[in-house]
Amino acid sequence: MVSNVIAVRIDDNTSDLIDKLIKYNLANNRADALRWIMQNGMQNARKTIERKEKSRAIIKKWKEKGLPELPQDLSEISIRERD
């Protein structure tokens, strides 16, 4: 793949978004993260990061407090919902 190098100044919010894309393994480096943003848009990048952060918060909570209690009749509830 032939590529061109372009120097770009970005604001702090975009820089934070790029860092989060790398943190959540959606991009390998800053160039990949910026390419991801250009292809998917800033709004989609923010939504994706929000979903990742919510997921991590839930997992952290489960690790600290254990998995939530499920109802005893969960199978029956699932069967009723399918009907």
PDB file of N, CA and C in Angstrom:
ATOM      1  N   MET A   1       0.837  -1.171   0.000  1.00  0.00           N
ATOM      2  CA  MET A   1       0.000   0.000   0.000  1.00  0.00           C
ATOM      3  C   MET A   1       0.885   1.238   0.000  1.00  0.00           C
ATOM      4  N   VAL A   2       0.683   2.093  -0.954  1.00  0.00           N
ATOM      5  CA  VAL A   2       1.416   3.347  -1.029  1.00  0.00           C
ATOM      6  C   VAL A   2       0.719   4.350  -0.123  1.00  0.00           C
ATOM      7  N   SER A   3       1.494   5.046   0.666  1.00  0.00           N
ATOM      8  CA  SER A   3       0.880   6.016   1.576  1.00  0.00           C
ATOM      9  C   SER A   3       1.622   7.335   1.508  1.00  0.00           C
ATOM     10  N   ASN A   4       0.926   8.378   1.851  1.00  0.00           N
ATOM     11  CA  ASN A   4       1.499   9.711   1.919  1.00  0.00           C
ATOM     12  C   ASN A   4       1.501  10.163   3.364  1.00  0.00           C
ATOM     13  N   VAL A   5       2.524  10.884   3.742  1.00  0.00           N
ATOM     14  CA  VAL A   5       2.632  11.390   5.103  1.00  0.00           C
ATOM     15  C   VAL A   5       2.171  12.838   5.110  1.00  0.00           C
ATOM     16  N   ILE A   6       1.259  13.145   6.049  1.00  0.00           N
ATOM     17  CA  ILE A   6       0.737  14.494   6.186  1.00  0.00           C
ATOM     18  C   ILE A   6       0.799  14.872   7.663  1.00  0.00           C
ATOM     19  N   ALA A   7       1.422  15.992   7.953  1.00  0.00           N
ATOM     20  CA  ALA A   7       1.472  16.485   9.336  1.00  0.00           C
ATOM     21  C   ALA A   7       0.175  17.231   9.619  1.00  0.00           C
ATOM     22  N   VAL A   8      -0.459  16.913  10.748  1.00  0.00           N
ATOM     23  CA  VAL A   8      -1.741  17.513  11.092  1.00  0.00           C
ATOM     24  C   VAL A   8      -1.722  17.943  12.547  1.00  0.00           C
ATOM     25  N   ARG A   9      -2.235  19.135  12.814  1.00  0.00           N
ATOM     26  CA  ARG A   9      -2.424  19.577  14.202  1.00  0.00           C
ATOM     27  C   ARG A   9      -3.845  19.203  14.608  1.00  0.00           C
ATOM     28  N   ILE A  10      -3.973  18.643  15.794  1.00  0.00           N
ATOM     29  CA  ILE A  10      -5.290  18.241  16.289  1.00  0.00           C
ATOM     30  C   ILE A  10      -5.512  18.852  17.668  1.00  0.00           C
ATOM     31  N   ASP A  11      -6.774  19.011  18.028  1.00  0.00           N
ATOM     32  CA  ASP A  11      -7.090  19.566  19.344  1.00  0.00           C
ATOM     33  C   ASP A  11      -6.971  18.486  20.417  1.00  0.00           C
ATOM     34  N   ASP A  12      -7.072  18.905  21.662  1.00  0.00           N
ATOM     35  CA  ASP A  12      -6.910  17.974  22.783  1.00  0.00           C
ATOM     36  C   ASP A  12      -7.985  16.891  22.795  1.00  0.00           C
ATOM     37  N   ASN A  13      -9.214  17.240  22.440  1.00  0.00           N
ATOM     38  CA  ASN A  13     -10.297  16.249  22.436  1.00  0.00           C
ATOM     39  C   ASN A  13     -10.027  15.144  21.423  1.00  0.00           C
ATOM     40  N   THR A  14      -9.565  15.522  20.245  1.00  0.00           N
ATOM     41  CA  THR A  14      -9.244  14.526  19.217  1.00  0.00           C
ATOM     42  C   THR A  14      -8.063  13.674  19.658  1.00  0.00           C
ATOM     43  N   SER A  15      -7.096  14.302  20.283  1.00  0.00           N
ATOM     44  CA  SER A  15      -5.932  13.561  20.777  1.00  0.00           C
ATOM     45  C   SER A  15      -6.345  12.543  21.842  1.00  0.00           C
ATOM     46  N   ASP A  16      -7.246  12.945  22.743  1.00  0.00           N
ATOM     47  CA  ASP A  16      -7.752  12.020  23.769  1.00  0.00           C
ATOM     48  C   ASP A  16      -8.505  10.854  23.133  1.00  0.00           C
ATOM     49  N   LEU A  17      -9.296  11.162  22.111  1.00  0.00           N
ATOM     50  CA  LEU A  17     -10.045  10.127  21.410  1.00  0.00           C
ATOM     51  C   LEU A  17      -9.098   9.139  20.745  1.00  0.00           C
ATOM     52  N   ILE A  18      -8.047   9.647  20.132  1.00  0.00           N
ATOM     53  CA  ILE A  18      -7.045   8.781  19.495  1.00  0.00           C
ATOM     54  C   ILE A  18      -6.401   7.876  20.536  1.00  0.00           C
ATOM     55  N   ASP A  19      -6.037   8.450  21.679  1.00  0.00           N
ATOM     56  CA  ASP A  19      -5.417   7.654  22.747  1.00  0.00           C
ATOM     57  C   ASP A  19      -6.358   6.557  23.260  1.00  0.00           C
ATOM     58  N   LYS A  20      -7.653   6.873  23.355  1.00  0.00           N
ATOM     59  CA  LYS A  20      -8.622   5.871  23.819  1.00  0.00           C
ATOM     60  C   LYS A  20      -8.820   4.769  22.791  1.00  0.00           C
ATOM     61  N   LEU A  21      -8.788   5.104  21.506  1.00  0.00           N
ATOM     62  CA  LEU A  21      -8.889   4.068  20.475  1.00  0.00           C
ATOM     63  C   LEU A  21      -7.731   3.080  20.586  1.00  0.00           C
ATOM     64  N   ILE A  22      -6.566   3.596  20.919  1.00  0.00           N
ATOM     65  CA  ILE A  22      -5.398   2.727  21.119  1.00  0.00           C
ATOM     66  C   ILE A  22      -5.555   1.929  22.411  1.00  0.00           C
ATOM     67  N   LYS A  23      -5.986   2.597  23.482  1.00  0.00           N
ATOM     68  CA  LYS A  23      -6.163   1.945  24.787  1.00  0.00           C
ATOM     69  C   LYS A  23      -7.117   0.756  24.704  1.00  0.00           C
ATOM     70  N   TYR A  24      -8.213   0.924  23.938  1.00  0.00           N
ATOM     71  CA  TYR A  24      -9.213  -0.130  23.832  1.00  0.00           C
ATOM     72  C   TYR A  24      -8.953  -1.070  22.656  1.00  0.00           C
ATOM     73  N   ASN A  25      -7.736  -1.044  22.140  1.00  0.00           N
ATOM     74  CA  ASN A  25      -7.290  -1.952  21.078  1.00  0.00           C
ATOM     75  C   ASN A  25      -8.117  -1.865  19.801  1.00  0.00           C
ATOM     76  N   LEU A  26      -8.633  -0.691  19.510  1.00  0.00           N
ATOM     77  CA  LEU A  26      -9.337  -0.476  18.247  1.00  0.00           C
ATOM     78  C   LEU A  26      -8.370   0.004  17.174  1.00  0.00           C
ATOM     79  N   ALA A  27      -7.190   0.449  17.607  1.00  0.00           N
ATOM     80  CA  ALA A  27      -6.134   0.877  16.694  1.00  0.00           C
ATOM     81  C   ALA A  27      -4.796   0.512  17.317  1.00  0.00           C
ATOM     82  N   ASN A  28      -3.815   0.243  16.465  1.00  0.00           N
ATOM     83  CA  ASN A  28      -2.492  -0.153  16.955  1.00  0.00           C
ATOM     84  C   ASN A  28      -1.608   1.033  17.305  1.00  0.00           C
ATOM     85  N   ASN A  29      -1.808   2.150  16.630  1.00  0.00           N
ATOM     86  CA  ASN A  29      -0.971   3.326  16.858  1.00  0.00           C
ATOM     87  C   ASN A  29      -1.776   4.571  16.491  1.00  0.00           C
ATOM     88  N   ARG A  30      -1.149   5.750  16.655  1.00  0.00           N
ATOM     89  CA  ARG A  30      -1.857   7.009  16.419  1.00  0.00           C
ATOM     90  C   ARG A  30      -2.277   7.171  14.962  1.00  0.00           C
ATOM     91  N   ALA A  31      -1.439   6.728  14.039  1.00  0.00           N
ATOM     92  CA  ALA A  31      -1.787   6.828  12.621  1.00  0.00           C
ATOM     93  C   ALA A  31      -3.003   5.960  12.307  1.00  0.00           C
ATOM     94  N   ASP A  32      -3.024   4.741  12.830  1.00  0.00           N
ATOM     95  CA  ASP A  32      -4.178   3.856  12.626  1.00  0.00           C
ATOM     96  C   ASP A  32      -5.432   4.438  13.263  1.00  0.00           C
ATOM     97  N   ALA A  33      -5.281   5.034  14.449  1.00  0.00           N
ATOM     98  CA  ALA A  33      -6.429   5.621  15.141  1.00  0.00           C
ATOM     99  C   ALA A  33      -6.991   6.798  14.342  1.00  0.00           C
ATOM    100  N   LEU A  34      -6.133   7.640  13.818  1.00  0.00           N
ATOM    101  CA  LEU A  34      -6.601   8.766  13.022  1.00  0.00           C
ATOM    102  C   LEU A  34      -7.261   8.269  11.736  1.00  0.00           C
ATOM    103  N   ARG A  35      -6.706   7.247  11.141  1.00  0.00           N
ATOM    104  CA  ARG A  35      -7.309   6.644   9.948  1.00  0.00           C
ATOM    105  C   ARG A  35      -8.691   6.076  10.291  1.00  0.00           C
ATOM    106  N   TRP A  36      -8.820   5.428  11.450  1.00  0.00           N
ATOM    107  CA  TRP A  36     -10.099   4.870  11.897  1.00  0.00           C
ATOM    108  C   TRP A  36     -11.133   5.991  12.045  1.00  0.00           C
ATOM    109  N   ILE A  37     -10.723   7.105  12.638  1.00  0.00           N
ATOM    110  CA  ILE A  37     -11.625   8.242  12.813  1.00  0.00           C
ATOM    111  C   ILE A  37     -12.037   8.806  11.457  1.00  0.00           C
ATOM    112  N   MET A  38     -11.100   8.909  10.542  1.00  0.00           N
ATOM    113  CA  MET A  38     -11.416   9.452   9.219  1.00  0.00           C
ATOM    114  C   MET A  38     -12.395   8.548   8.473  1.00  0.00           C
ATOM    115  N   GLN A  39     -12.276   7.257   8.637  1.00  0.00           N
ATOM    116  CA  GLN A  39     -13.157   6.321   7.940  1.00  0.00           C
ATOM    117  C   GLN A  39     -14.526   6.199   8.599  1.00  0.00           C
ATOM    118  N   ASN A  40     -14.576   6.303   9.928  1.00  0.00           N
ATOM    119  CA  ASN A  40     -15.821   6.066  10.666  1.00  0.00           C
ATOM    120  C   ASN A  40     -16.472   7.326  11.222  1.00  0.00           C
ATOM    121  N   GLY A  41     -15.746   8.414  11.298  1.00  0.00           N
ATOM    122  CA  GLY A  41     -16.284   9.662  11.815  1.00  0.00           C
ATOM    123  C   GLY A  41     -16.084   9.819  13.315  1.00  0.00           C
ATOM    124  N   MET A  42     -16.079  11.061  13.746  1.00  0.00           N
ATOM    125  CA  MET A  42     -15.867  11.378  15.165  1.00  0.00           C
ATOM    126  C   MET A  42     -17.014  10.866  16.027  1.00  0.00           C
ATOM    127  N   GLN A  43     -18.252  11.020  15.561  1.00  0.00           N
ATOM    128  CA  GLN A  43     -19.405  10.589  16.352  1.00  0.00           C
ATOM    129  C   GLN A  43     -19.369   9.085  16.595  1.00  0.00           C
ATOM    130  N   ASN A  44     -19.081   8.308  15.564  1.00  0.00           N
ATOM    131  CA  ASN A  44     -19.002   6.853  15.722  1.00  0.00           C
ATOM    132  C   ASN A  44     -17.851   6.467  16.642  1.00  0.00           C
ATOM    133  N   ALA A  45     -16.760   7.185  16.551  1.00  0.00           N
ATOM    134  CA  ALA A  45     -15.622   6.911  17.432  1.00  0.00           C
ATOM    135  C   ALA A  45     -16.013   7.156  18.885  1.00  0.00           C
ATOM    136  N   ARG A  46     -16.695   8.264  19.138  1.00  0.00           N
ATOM    137  CA  ARG A  46     -17.130   8.573  20.510  1.00  0.00           C
ATOM    138  C   ARG A  46     -18.111   7.523  21.033  1.00  0.00           C
ATOM    139  N   LYS A  47     -19.062   7.126  20.192  1.00  0.00           N
ATOM    140  CA  LYS A  47     -20.039   6.112  20.607  1.00  0.00           C
ATOM    141  C   LYS A  47     -19.354   4.787  20.914  1.00  0.00           C
ATOM    142  N   THR A  48     -18.397   4.412  20.083  1.00  0.00           N
ATOM    143  CA  THR A  48     -17.672   3.163  20.295  1.00  0.00           C
ATOM    144  C   THR A  48     -16.898   3.209  21.604  1.00  0.00           C
ATOM    145  N   ILE A  49     -16.230   4.322  21.867  1.00  0.00           N
ATOM    146  CA  ILE A  49     -15.475   4.486  23.115  1.00  0.00           C
ATOM    147  C   ILE A  49     -16.419   4.443  24.307  1.00  0.00           C
ATOM    148  N   GLU A  50     -17.577   5.095  24.214  1.00  0.00           N
ATOM    149  CA  GLU A  50     -18.547   5.064  25.313  1.00  0.00           C
ATOM    150  C   GLU A  50     -18.992   3.639  25.614  1.00  0.00           C
ATOM    151  N   ARG A  51     -19.260   2.850  24.570  1.00  0.00           N
ATOM    152  CA  ARG A  51     -19.658   1.447  24.783  1.00  0.00           C
ATOM    153  C   ARG A  51     -18.543   0.660  25.447  1.00  0.00           C
ATOM    154  N   LYS A  52     -17.310   0.883  25.010  1.00  0.00           N
ATOM    155  CA  LYS A  52     -16.171   0.183  25.619  1.00  0.00           C
ATOM    156  C   LYS A  52     -16.031   0.571  27.088  1.00  0.00           C
ATOM    157  N   GLU A  53     -16.177   1.857  27.402  1.00  0.00           N
ATOM    158  CA  GLU A  53     -16.034   2.302  28.790  1.00  0.00           C
ATOM    159  C   GLU A  53     -17.145   1.742  29.674  1.00  0.00           C
ATOM    160  N   LYS A  54     -18.380   1.706  29.167  1.00  0.00           N
ATOM    161  CA  LYS A  54     -19.484   1.129  29.925  1.00  0.00           C
ATOM    162  C   LYS A  54     -19.250  -0.359  30.169  1.00  0.00           C
ATOM    163  N   SER A  55     -18.783  -1.057  29.145  1.00  0.00           N
ATOM    164  CA  SER A  55     -18.500  -2.491  29.283  1.00  0.00           C
ATOM    165  C   SER A  55     -17.427  -2.731  30.333  1.00  0.00           C
ATOM    166  N   ARG A  56     -16.374  -1.937  30.283  1.00  0.00           N
ATOM    167  CA  ARG A  56     -15.294  -2.098  31.266  1.00  0.00           C
ATOM    168  C   ARG A  56     -15.788  -1.821  32.676  1.00  0.00           C
ATOM    169  N   ALA A  57     -16.671  -0.829  32.827  1.00  0.00           N
ATOM    170  CA  ALA A  57     -17.209  -0.502  34.155  1.00  0.00           C
ATOM    171  C   ALA A  57     -18.034  -1.667  34.698  1.00  0.00           C
ATOM    172  N   ILE A  58     -18.842  -2.281  33.839  1.00  0.00           N
ATOM    173  CA  ILE A  58     -19.650  -3.427  34.258  1.00  0.00           C
ATOM    174  C   ILE A  58     -18.757  -4.589  34.657  1.00  0.00           C
ATOM    175  N   ILE A  59     -17.748  -4.877  33.853  1.00  0.00           N
ATOM    176  CA  ILE A  59     -16.835  -5.986  34.157  1.00  0.00           C
ATOM    177  C   ILE A  59     -16.091  -5.720  35.461  1.00  0.00           C
ATOM    178  N   LYS A  60     -15.648  -4.473  35.656  1.00  0.00           N
ATOM    179  CA  LYS A  60     -14.950  -4.119  36.896  1.00  0.00           C
ATOM    180  C   LYS A  60     -15.859  -4.340  38.093  1.00  0.00           C
ATOM    181  N   LYS A  61     -17.124  -3.924  37.979  1.00  0.00           N
ATOM    182  CA  LYS A  61     -18.096  -4.097  39.061  1.00  0.00           C
ATOM    183  C   LYS A  61     -18.297  -5.579  39.365  1.00  0.00           C
ATOM    184  N   TRP A  62     -18.424  -6.402  38.316  1.00  0.00           N
ATOM    185  CA  TRP A  62     -18.610  -7.836  38.514  1.00  0.00           C
ATOM    186  C   TRP A  62     -17.393  -8.473  39.162  1.00  0.00           C
ATOM    187  N   LYS A  63     -16.198  -8.006  38.798  1.00  0.00           N
ATOM    188  CA  LYS A  63     -14.978  -8.554  39.408  1.00  0.00           C
ATOM    189  C   LYS A  63     -14.909  -8.221  40.891  1.00  0.00           C
ATOM    190  N   GLU A  64     -15.371  -7.013  41.241  1.00  0.00           N
ATOM    191  CA  GLU A  64     -15.309  -6.587  42.635  1.00  0.00           C
ATOM    192  C   GLU A  64     -16.409  -7.219  43.484  1.00  0.00           C
ATOM    193  N   LYS A  65     -17.647  -7.260  42.943  1.00  0.00           N
ATOM    194  CA  LYS A  65     -18.794  -7.681  43.739  1.00  0.00           C
ATOM    195  C   LYS A  65     -19.345  -9.044  43.352  1.00  0.00           C
ATOM    196  N   GLY A  66     -18.834  -9.623  42.292  1.00  0.00           N
ATOM    197  CA  GLY A  66     -19.363 -10.900  41.831  1.00  0.00           C
ATOM    198  C   GLY A  66     -20.462 -10.707  40.805  1.00  0.00           C
ATOM    199  N   LEU A  67     -20.805 -11.785  40.141  1.00  0.00           N
ATOM    200  CA  LEU A  67     -21.841 -11.726  39.124  1.00  0.00           C
ATOM    201  C   LEU A  67     -23.201 -11.462  39.757  1.00  0.00           C
ATOM    202  N   PRO A  68     -24.105 -10.816  39.019  1.00  0.00           N
ATOM    203  CA  PRO A  68     -25.430 -10.529  39.584  1.00  0.00           C
ATOM    204  C   PRO A  68     -26.226 -11.815  39.778  1.00  0.00           C
ATOM    205  N   GLU A  69     -27.116 -11.773  40.744  1.00  0.00           N
ATOM    206  CA  GLU A  69     -27.992 -12.915  41.000  1.00  0.00           C
ATOM    207  C   GLU A  69     -29.045 -13.003  39.895  1.00  0.00           C
ATOM    208  N   LEU A  70     -29.230 -14.177  39.372  1.00  0.00           N
ATOM    209  CA  LEU A  70     -30.246 -14.405  38.341  1.00  0.00           C
ATOM    210  C   LEU A  70     -31.484 -15.007  38.985  1.00  0.00           C
ATOM    211  N   PRO A  71     -32.659 -14.721  38.429  1.00  0.00           N
ATOM    212  CA  PRO A  71     -33.883 -15.306  38.987  1.00  0.00           C
ATOM    213  C   PRO A  71     -33.866 -16.826  38.877  1.00  0.00           C
ATOM    214  N   GLN A  72     -34.486 -17.495  39.846  1.00  0.00           N
ATOM    215  CA  GLN A  72     -34.534 -18.952  39.845  1.00  0.00           C
ATOM    216  C   GLN A  72     -35.316 -19.503  38.656  1.00  0.00           C
ATOM    217  N   ASP A  73     -36.315 -18.746  38.211  1.00  0.00           N
ATOM    218  CA  ASP A  73     -37.153 -19.215  37.113  1.00  0.00           C
ATOM    219  C   ASP A  73     -36.752 -18.581  35.777  1.00  0.00           C
ATOM    220  N   LEU A  74     -35.468 -18.367  35.585  1.00  0.00           N
ATOM    221  CA  LEU A  74     -34.979 -17.720  34.374  1.00  0.00           C
ATOM    222  C   LEU A  74     -35.361 -18.496  33.118  1.00  0.00           C
ATOM    223  N   SER A  75     -35.278 -19.813  33.158  1.00  0.00           N
ATOM    224  CA  SER A  75     -35.649 -20.627  32.001  1.00  0.00           C
ATOM    225  C   SER A  75     -37.109 -20.423  31.640  1.00  0.00           C
ATOM    226  N   GLU A  76     -37.961 -20.399  32.642  1.00  0.00           N
ATOM    227  CA  GLU A  76     -39.389 -20.190  32.382  1.00  0.00           C
ATOM    228  C   GLU A  76     -39.669 -18.805  31.813  1.00  0.00           C
ATOM    229  N   ILE A  77     -38.967 -17.812  32.330  1.00  0.00           N
ATOM    230  CA  ILE A  77     -39.115 -16.442  31.818  1.00  0.00           C
ATOM    231  C   ILE A  77     -38.692 -16.381  30.345  1.00  0.00           C
ATOM    232  N   SER A  78     -37.571 -17.020  30.023  1.00  0.00           N
ATOM    233  CA  SER A  78     -37.083 -17.035  28.642  1.00  0.00           C
ATOM    234  C   SER A  78     -38.073 -17.705  27.710  1.00  0.00           C
ATOM    235  N   ILE A  79     -38.683 -18.810  28.165  1.00  0.00           N
ATOM    236  CA  ILE A  79     -39.653 -19.527  27.341  1.00  0.00           C
ATOM    237  C   ILE A  79     -40.894 -18.649  27.110  1.00  0.00           C
ATOM    238  N   ARG A  80     -41.376 -17.979  28.156  1.00  0.00           N
ATOM    239  CA  ARG A  80     -42.543 -17.103  28.017  1.00  0.00           C
ATOM    240  C   ARG A  80     -42.260 -15.959  27.052  1.00  0.00           C
ATOM    241  N   GLU A  81     -41.033 -15.383  27.108  1.00  0.00           N
ATOM    242  CA  GLU A  81     -40.699 -14.268  26.236  1.00  0.00           C
ATOM    243  C   GLU A  81     -40.622 -14.697  24.773  1.00  0.00           C
ATOM    244  N   ARG A  82     -40.300 -15.941  24.511  1.00  0.00           N
ATOM    245  CA  ARG A  82     -40.219 -16.429  23.132  1.00  0.00           C
ATOM    246  C   ARG A  82     -41.585 -16.648  22.529  1.00  0.00           C
ATOM    247  N   ASP A  83     -42.585 -16.906  23.372  1.00  0.00           N
ATOM    248  CA  ASP A  83     -43.945 -17.182  22.862  1.00  0.00           C
ATOM    249  C   ASP A  83     -44.632 -15.962  22.371  1.00  0.00           C
TER     250      ASP A  83
END
